[in-house]
Amino acid sequence: MPDQEQKFEGRMHGPQDPVEKDGLFIRLIYMILIALMISIAQTVLGLATIIQFVLMVVNKGTPNERLADFGESLGIWVAKAARYQTAASEVKPWPWTELD
């Protein structure tokens, strides 16, 4: 069974199925939509950070595991979105592909 580091690496840098390149105008539309989604993700991350801190204060320093896992998944999504935005990858992030 893979450890946490291997699981993370697989989600971030795992094999990508070859995809057909979009035209530049279509890519621009996707880039604008993804930029809006990244902005929403930043807000969600800020809220999750505040909630996690409050929970840690209440639980004497112990983080909420589900919230931590959510934060990891959100971070991976943002990284994949950034890879598409900067043309490091042709694979679009969720909702156009599986979330992993």
C-alpha atoms as a PDB file:
ATOM      1  CA  MET A   1       0.000   0.000   0.000  1.00  0.00           C
ATOM      2  CA  PRO A   2       1.482   3.394  -0.962  1.00  0.00           C
ATOM      3  CA  ASP A   3       2.506   5.766   1.777  1.00  0.00           C
ATOM      4  CA  GLN A   4       1.239   9.357   1.954  1.00  0.00           C
ATOM      5  CA  GLU A   5       4.192  10.783   0.006  1.00  0.00           C
ATOM      6  CA  GLN A   6       3.756   8.317  -2.872  1.00  0.00           C
ATOM      7  CA  LYS A   7       0.019   8.970  -2.944  1.00  0.00           C
ATOM      8  CA  PHE A   8       0.633  12.727  -3.093  1.00  0.00           C
ATOM      9  CA  GLU A   9       3.246  12.399  -5.844  1.00  0.00           C
ATOM     10  CA  GLY A  10       0.907  10.198  -7.865  1.00  0.00           C
ATOM     11  CA  ARG A  11      -1.889  12.745  -7.619  1.00  0.00           C
ATOM     12  CA  MET A  12       0.381  15.637  -8.556  1.00  0.00           C
ATOM     13  CA  HIS A  13       2.655  14.139 -11.181  1.00  0.00           C
ATOM     14  CA  GLY A  14       0.958  10.894 -12.200  1.00  0.00           C
ATOM     15  CA  PRO A  15       0.630   9.887 -15.821  1.00  0.00           C
ATOM     16  CA  GLN A  16      -1.486  12.186 -17.918  1.00  0.00           C
ATOM     17  CA  ASP A  17      -3.501  10.826 -20.773  1.00  0.00           C
ATOM     18  CA  PRO A  18      -2.627  12.590 -24.000  1.00  0.00           C
ATOM     19  CA  VAL A  19      -5.282  15.138 -24.862  1.00  0.00           C
ATOM     20  CA  GLU A  20      -5.983  17.087 -27.990  1.00  0.00           C
ATOM     21  CA  LYS A  21      -4.772  20.664 -27.811  1.00  0.00           C
ATOM     22  CA  ASP A  22      -7.470  23.305 -27.769  1.00  0.00           C
ATOM     23  CA  GLY A  23      -7.345  26.316 -30.048  1.00  0.00           C
ATOM     24  CA  LEU A  24      -5.974  29.485 -28.478  1.00  0.00           C
ATOM     25  CA  PHE A  25      -9.383  31.174 -28.221  1.00  0.00           C
ATOM     26  CA  ILE A  26     -10.930  28.131 -26.516  1.00  0.00           C
ATOM     27  CA  ARG A  27      -7.911  27.903 -24.209  1.00  0.00           C
ATOM     28  CA  LEU A  28      -8.385  31.579 -23.293  1.00  0.00           C
ATOM     29  CA  ILE A  29     -11.987  30.890 -22.299  1.00  0.00           C
ATOM     30  CA  TYR A  30     -10.887  27.936 -20.141  1.00  0.00           C
ATOM     31  CA  MET A  31      -8.125  30.054 -18.613  1.00  0.00           C
ATOM     32  CA  ILE A  32     -10.598  32.779 -17.630  1.00  0.00           C
ATOM     33  CA  LEU A  33     -12.989  30.225 -16.099  1.00  0.00           C
ATOM     34  CA  ILE A  34     -10.160  28.511 -14.222  1.00  0.00           C
ATOM     35  CA  ALA A  35      -8.864  31.869 -12.964  1.00  0.00           C
ATOM     36  CA  LEU A  36     -12.315  32.557 -11.482  1.00  0.00           C
ATOM     37  CA  MET A  37     -12.352  29.087  -9.933  1.00  0.00           C
ATOM     38  CA  ILE A  38      -8.887  29.656  -8.418  1.00  0.00           C
ATOM     39  CA  SER A  39     -10.180  32.883  -6.874  1.00  0.00           C
ATOM     40  CA  ILE A  40     -13.073  30.985  -5.286  1.00  0.00           C
ATOM     41  CA  ALA A  41     -10.645  28.297  -4.117  1.00  0.00           C
ATOM     42  CA  GLN A  42      -8.535  30.959  -2.369  1.00  0.00           C
ATOM     43  CA  THR A  43     -11.601  32.158  -0.476  1.00  0.00           C
ATOM     44  CA  VAL A  44     -12.518  28.597   0.489  1.00  0.00           C
ATOM     45  CA  LEU A  45      -8.939  27.980   1.629  1.00  0.00           C
ATOM     46  CA  GLY A  46      -9.032  31.109   3.787  1.00  0.00           C
ATOM     47  CA  LEU A  47     -12.261  29.971   5.439  1.00  0.00           C
ATOM     48  CA  ALA A  48     -10.912  26.454   5.944  1.00  0.00           C
ATOM     49  CA  THR A  49      -7.782  27.920   7.534  1.00  0.00           C
ATOM     50  CA  ILE A  50      -9.798  29.951  10.036  1.00  0.00           C
ATOM     51  CA  ILE A  51     -12.069  27.006  10.850  1.00  0.00           C
ATOM     52  CA  GLN A  52      -9.089  24.670  11.285  1.00  0.00           C
ATOM     53  CA  PHE A  53      -7.389  27.128  13.623  1.00  0.00           C
ATOM     54  CA  VAL A  54     -10.520  27.482  15.760  1.00  0.00           C
ATOM     55  CA  LEU A  55     -10.898  23.701  15.892  1.00  0.00           C
ATOM     56  CA  MET A  56      -7.257  23.338  16.900  1.00  0.00           C
ATOM     57  CA  VAL A  57      -7.737  25.852  19.722  1.00  0.00           C
ATOM     58  CA  VAL A  58     -10.806  23.953  20.935  1.00  0.00           C
ATOM     59  CA  ASN A  59      -9.112  20.537  20.550  1.00  0.00           C
ATOM     60  CA  LYS A  60      -5.852  21.546  22.268  1.00  0.00           C
ATOM     61  CA  GLY A  61      -3.748  21.661  19.109  1.00  0.00           C
ATOM     62  CA  THR A  62      -5.151  18.606  17.343  1.00  0.00           C
ATOM     63  CA  PRO A  63      -6.152  19.383  13.746  1.00  0.00           C
ATOM     64  CA  ASN A  64      -9.344  18.081  12.178  1.00  0.00           C
ATOM     65  CA  GLU A  65      -8.192  15.269   9.881  1.00  0.00           C
ATOM     66  CA  ARG A  66     -11.053  15.606   7.378  1.00  0.00           C
ATOM     67  CA  LEU A  67     -10.433  19.328   7.025  1.00  0.00           C
ATOM     68  CA  ALA A  68      -6.706  18.691   6.585  1.00  0.00           C
ATOM     69  CA  ASP A  69      -7.439  16.129   3.847  1.00  0.00           C
ATOM     70  CA  PHE A  70      -9.769  18.622   2.171  1.00  0.00           C
ATOM     71  CA  GLY A  71      -7.003  21.231   2.260  1.00  0.00           C
ATOM     72  CA  GLU A  72      -4.572  18.794   0.655  1.00  0.00           C
ATOM     73  CA  SER A  73      -7.042  17.990  -2.126  1.00  0.00           C
ATOM     74  CA  LEU A  74      -7.759  21.682  -2.666  1.00  0.00           C
ATOM     75  CA  GLY A  75      -4.038  22.386  -2.896  1.00  0.00           C
ATOM     76  CA  ILE A  76      -3.565  19.641  -5.467  1.00  0.00           C
ATOM     77  CA  TRP A  77      -6.456  21.034  -7.521  1.00  0.00           C
ATOM     78  CA  VAL A  78      -4.943  24.535  -7.423  1.00  0.00           C
ATOM     79  CA  ALA A  79      -1.571  23.120  -8.497  1.00  0.00           C
ATOM     80  CA  LYS A  80      -3.147  21.297 -11.437  1.00  0.00           C
ATOM     81  CA  ALA A  81      -5.081  24.430 -12.382  1.00  0.00           C
ATOM     82  CA  ALA A  82      -1.865  26.453 -12.270  1.00  0.00           C
ATOM     83  CA  ARG A  83      -0.135  23.908 -14.506  1.00  0.00           C
ATOM     84  CA  TYR A  84      -2.885  24.342 -17.105  1.00  0.00           C
ATOM     85  CA  GLN A  85      -2.897  28.138 -16.721  1.00  0.00           C
ATOM     86  CA  THR A  86       0.836  28.348 -17.377  1.00  0.00           C
ATOM     87  CA  ALA A  87       0.740  25.792 -20.228  1.00  0.00           C
ATOM     88  CA  ALA A  88       2.857  23.317 -18.299  1.00  0.00           C
ATOM     89  CA  SER A  89       0.075  20.816 -18.968  1.00  0.00           C
ATOM     90  CA  GLU A  90      -2.722  20.401 -21.480  1.00  0.00           C
ATOM     91  CA  VAL A  91      -4.848  18.541 -18.929  1.00  0.00           C
ATOM     92  CA  LYS A  92      -7.617  20.711 -17.520  1.00  0.00           C
ATOM     93  CA  PRO A  93      -8.426  20.372 -13.816  1.00  0.00           C
ATOM     94  CA  TRP A  94     -11.749  19.206 -12.396  1.00  0.00           C
ATOM     95  CA  PRO A  95     -14.600  19.567 -13.494  1.00  0.00           C
ATOM     96  CA  TRP A  96     -13.264  18.757 -16.971  1.00  0.00           C
ATOM     97  CA  THR A  97     -11.305  15.755 -15.719  1.00  0.00           C
ATOM     98  CA  GLU A  98     -11.622  13.465 -12.718  1.00  0.00           C
ATOM     99  CA  LEU A  99     -10.852  14.957  -9.324  1.00  0.00           C
ATOM    100  CA  ASP A 100      -8.457  12.112  -8.354  1.00  0.00           C
END
